[in-house]
Amino acid sequence: MTSRTAQRTFTHRRVLRLTAHAYEQAVNLLAREVTNRIGPIEAIIGIANGGVPLSHSLAARLDARVLRVDAQHNPTDTIYTQATGHVTLDLRPLTTVLRDTRLLGNVLLVDDICGTGATIDALYPRLIPYLWAGSVVHTAVLCRNTGADYNPHLWIWDTDDWVHFPWEAPLPIATPVEDLAVPDTAQHH
């Protein structure tokens, strides 16, 4: 378990909605940026739950192996729930598949959003025993909350409010929403 003090920014004006169409465009953009900036990817590790759909979508475009780790940061999925700063990790989905092998080359660690950076910070050092010397872990997310004090290697949107993703339960009907528009380029660190 890891603790972190950064707090996500929520303006409480509207929920930022990622439509299925914008998601597909964003995945294409991330895949292009990964290819141009990083090169071939050996494996993509999706952080469950939100990073799993992204890992599969990117793997289909980058011809990479998909792996998974489980992480829990939010106490609930209720809109505007502030992160606790405590991250619990379960690497068994990864270690069960890898057994006694290690990953070689470029590894992409993905999640739907970097709210504070706590999940990636907690997970990153725990992956080192599963890498060969010289392997590099890169990070990519769809959204980076403006309250985060961590910058992934690649991301599409800086967000200042709650984000709703296509794989989540529908929002209540009266919820004010703003659809995210896909930019021409990904942001990078």
Protein backbone atom coordinates (compact mmCIF):
# COMPACT_ATOMS: atom_id res chain seq x y z
CA MET A 1 0.00 0.00 0.00
CA THR A 2 1.31 3.47 -0.91
CA SER A 3 0.26 6.91 0.32
CA ARG A 4 0.27 10.12 -1.71
CA THR A 5 -0.91 13.64 -0.90
CA ALA A 6 -1.82 15.03 -4.36
CA GLN A 7 -5.53 15.76 -4.82
CA ARG A 8 -7.43 15.55 -8.08
CA THR A 9 -8.94 18.74 -9.45
CA PHE A 10 -12.73 18.80 -9.86
CA THR A 11 -14.38 22.04 -10.98
CA HIS A 12 -17.85 20.45 -10.52
CA ARG A 13 -19.12 22.19 -13.68
CA ARG A 14 -19.79 19.06 -15.76
CA VAL A 15 -18.66 15.49 -16.22
CA LEU A 16 -16.19 15.15 -19.07
CA ARG A 17 -17.43 12.31 -21.27
CA LEU A 18 -15.23 10.20 -23.49
CA THR A 19 -17.48 8.89 -26.25
CA ALA A 20 -16.77 5.57 -27.95
CA HIS A 21 -15.85 7.43 -31.16
CA ALA A 22 -13.43 9.77 -29.37
CA TYR A 23 -11.95 6.77 -27.54
CA GLU A 24 -11.14 5.04 -30.86
CA GLN A 25 -9.54 8.23 -32.19
CA ALA A 26 -7.54 8.65 -28.98
CA VAL A 27 -6.29 5.06 -29.13
CA ASN A 28 -5.16 5.59 -32.73
CA LEU A 29 -3.35 8.77 -31.69
CA LEU A 30 -1.66 7.07 -28.72
CA ALA A 31 -0.61 4.11 -30.89
CA ARG A 32 0.92 6.48 -33.44
CA GLU A 33 2.77 8.41 -30.72
CA VAL A 34 4.03 5.20 -29.09
CA THR A 35 5.38 4.03 -32.45
CA ASN A 36 7.02 7.39 -33.22
CA ARG A 37 8.42 8.20 -29.76
CA ILE A 38 9.11 4.81 -28.19
CA GLY A 39 9.31 2.20 -30.92
CA PRO A 40 8.30 -1.45 -30.78
CA ILE A 41 6.50 -2.58 -27.63
CA GLU A 42 7.13 -6.02 -26.12
CA ALA A 43 4.16 -5.96 -23.76
CA ILE A 44 1.36 -3.69 -22.61
CA ILE A 45 0.36 -3.93 -18.96
CA GLY A 46 -3.17 -2.69 -18.29
CA ILE A 47 -3.96 -1.43 -14.81
CA ALA A 48 -7.36 -2.86 -13.89
CA ASN A 49 -9.98 -1.79 -14.18
CA GLY A 50 -9.77 1.23 -16.49
CA GLY A 51 -6.46 0.39 -18.14
CA VAL A 52 -7.57 -3.03 -19.34
CA PRO A 53 -9.74 -1.84 -22.27
CA LEU A 54 -6.97 0.56 -23.32
CA SER A 55 -4.33 -2.19 -23.13
CA HIS A 56 -6.32 -4.43 -25.47
CA SER A 57 -7.10 -1.61 -27.91
CA LEU A 58 -3.44 -0.53 -28.07
CA ALA A 59 -2.18 -4.11 -28.34
CA ALA A 60 -4.35 -4.68 -31.41
CA ARG A 61 -2.70 -1.68 -33.08
CA LEU A 62 0.85 -2.26 -31.83
CA ASP A 63 0.98 -6.05 -32.12
CA ALA A 64 1.99 -6.42 -28.48
CA ARG A 65 1.31 -8.91 -25.73
CA VAL A 66 -1.30 -7.87 -23.12
CA LEU A 67 -0.77 -8.36 -19.40
CA ARG A 68 -2.71 -7.10 -16.39
CA VAL A 69 -2.20 -5.90 -12.84
CA ASP A 70 -4.91 -4.99 -10.35
CA ALA A 71 -4.83 -1.75 -8.40
CA GLN A 72 -7.35 -0.04 -6.16
CA HIS A 73 -7.09 3.67 -5.37
CA ASN A 74 -10.62 5.07 -5.20
CA PRO A 75 -12.77 3.90 -2.30
CA THR A 76 -15.86 3.95 -4.58
CA ASP A 77 -16.80 4.78 -8.19
CA THR A 78 -19.08 7.61 -7.06
CA ILE A 79 -18.62 10.79 -9.10
CA TYR A 80 -16.24 13.30 -7.50
CA THR A 81 -14.84 10.82 -5.00
CA GLN A 82 -11.44 12.14 -4.02
CA ALA A 83 -8.61 9.61 -4.04
CA THR A 84 -7.53 8.40 -0.62
CA GLY A 85 -3.79 8.39 -1.31
CA HIS A 86 -3.72 4.68 -0.49
CA VAL A 87 -3.10 2.25 -3.33
CA THR A 88 -3.43 -1.50 -2.99
CA LEU A 89 -1.80 -3.65 -5.64
CA ASP A 90 -2.27 -7.24 -6.75
CA LEU A 91 0.39 -8.42 -9.17
CA ARG A 92 -0.90 -12.01 -9.30
CA PRO A 93 -2.56 -11.59 -12.72
CA LEU A 94 0.88 -10.56 -14.05
CA THR A 95 3.04 -13.01 -12.13
CA THR A 96 0.78 -15.97 -12.90
CA VAL A 97 1.22 -15.39 -16.63
CA LEU A 98 4.95 -14.60 -16.49
CA ARG A 99 5.82 -17.39 -14.05
CA ASP A 100 9.62 -17.42 -14.09
CA THR A 101 10.10 -15.29 -17.21
CA ARG A 102 10.85 -11.59 -17.51
CA LEU A 103 9.87 -8.90 -19.98
CA LEU A 104 12.44 -7.68 -22.48
CA GLY A 105 12.48 -4.37 -24.36
CA ASN A 106 9.90 -1.62 -24.18
CA VAL A 107 6.97 -2.23 -21.85
CA LEU A 108 3.96 0.08 -21.87
CA LEU A 109 2.05 0.54 -18.59
CA VAL A 110 -1.41 1.97 -19.30
CA ASP A 111 -4.39 3.25 -17.36
CA ASP A 112 -7.50 5.22 -18.26
CA ILE A 113 -6.57 8.23 -16.10
CA CYS A 114 -3.72 9.57 -14.04
CA GLY A 115 -5.67 11.24 -11.25
CA THR A 116 -2.84 11.93 -8.82
CA GLY A 117 -0.09 9.62 -10.07
CA ALA A 118 -0.27 7.42 -6.97
CA THR A 119 -1.22 4.23 -8.80
CA ILE A 120 1.62 4.48 -11.32
CA ASP A 121 4.08 5.49 -8.59
CA ALA A 122 3.09 2.49 -6.48
CA LEU A 123 3.25 0.04 -9.37
CA TYR A 124 6.33 1.20 -11.26
CA PRO A 125 8.98 -0.07 -8.80
CA ARG A 126 7.10 -3.33 -8.26
CA LEU A 127 7.52 -4.16 -11.97
CA ILE A 128 11.33 -4.06 -11.91
CA PRO A 129 11.80 -7.69 -10.77
CA TYR A 130 9.83 -8.79 -13.85
CA LEU A 131 12.09 -6.99 -16.36
CA TRP A 132 15.36 -8.00 -17.97
CA ALA A 133 18.22 -5.54 -17.55
CA GLY A 134 17.90 -2.77 -20.12
CA SER A 135 14.13 -3.06 -20.40
CA VAL A 136 12.21 0.19 -20.06
CA VAL A 137 8.71 0.82 -18.70
CA HIS A 138 6.86 3.69 -20.40
CA THR A 139 3.52 5.04 -19.20
CA ALA A 140 0.48 6.12 -21.21
CA VAL A 141 -3.01 7.20 -20.15
CA LEU A 142 -6.00 8.71 -21.85
CA CYS A 143 -6.46 11.52 -19.32
CA ARG A 144 -4.23 13.33 -16.84
CA ASN A 145 -6.02 15.28 -14.10
CA THR A 146 -4.58 18.77 -13.63
CA GLY A 147 -4.17 18.02 -9.91
CA ALA A 148 -1.71 15.19 -10.60
CA ASP A 149 1.88 15.74 -9.66
CA TYR A 150 3.00 12.99 -12.03
CA ASN A 151 3.32 13.20 -15.80
CA PRO A 152 2.97 9.95 -17.74
CA HIS A 153 5.17 9.59 -20.81
CA LEU A 154 2.11 10.02 -23.07
CA TRP A 155 -1.46 11.21 -22.53
CA ILE A 156 -4.25 12.73 -24.61
CA TRP A 157 -6.26 15.07 -22.35
CA ASP A 158 -5.56 17.27 -19.35
CA THR A 159 -8.81 17.25 -17.38
CA ASP A 160 -10.15 19.42 -14.58
CA ASP A 161 -13.31 17.49 -13.72
CA TRP A 162 -14.62 13.95 -13.35
CA VAL A 163 -14.21 11.82 -16.52
CA HIS A 164 -16.71 9.22 -17.67
CA PHE A 165 -15.34 6.42 -19.88
CA PRO A 166 -17.31 4.33 -22.44
CA TRP A 167 -16.99 1.09 -20.42
CA GLU A 168 -18.50 2.58 -17.26
CA ALA A 169 -22.14 2.42 -16.15
CA PRO A 170 -24.31 5.16 -17.72
CA LEU A 171 -24.42 8.51 -15.95
CA PRO A 172 -27.65 9.68 -14.30
CA ILE A 173 -29.85 11.41 -16.91
CA ALA A 174 -29.65 14.91 -15.37
CA THR A 175 -25.84 14.94 -15.23
CA PRO A 176 -24.34 17.90 -17.14
CA VAL A 177 -21.73 16.55 -19.56
CA GLU A 178 -19.17 17.86 -22.00
CA ASP A 179 -17.78 15.53 -24.64
CA LEU A 180 -13.99 15.45 -24.94
CA ALA A 181 -12.69 16.48 -28.35
CA VAL A 182 -9.63 14.63 -29.64
CA PRO A 183 -6.59 16.85 -30.19
CA ASP A 184 -4.21 16.45 -33.14
CA THR A 185 -1.28 15.27 -31.02
CA ALA A 186 -0.74 13.49 -27.72
CA GLN A 187 0.94 15.27 -24.86
CA HIS A 188 4.22 13.86 -23.64
CA HIS A 189 6.74 14.12 -20.88
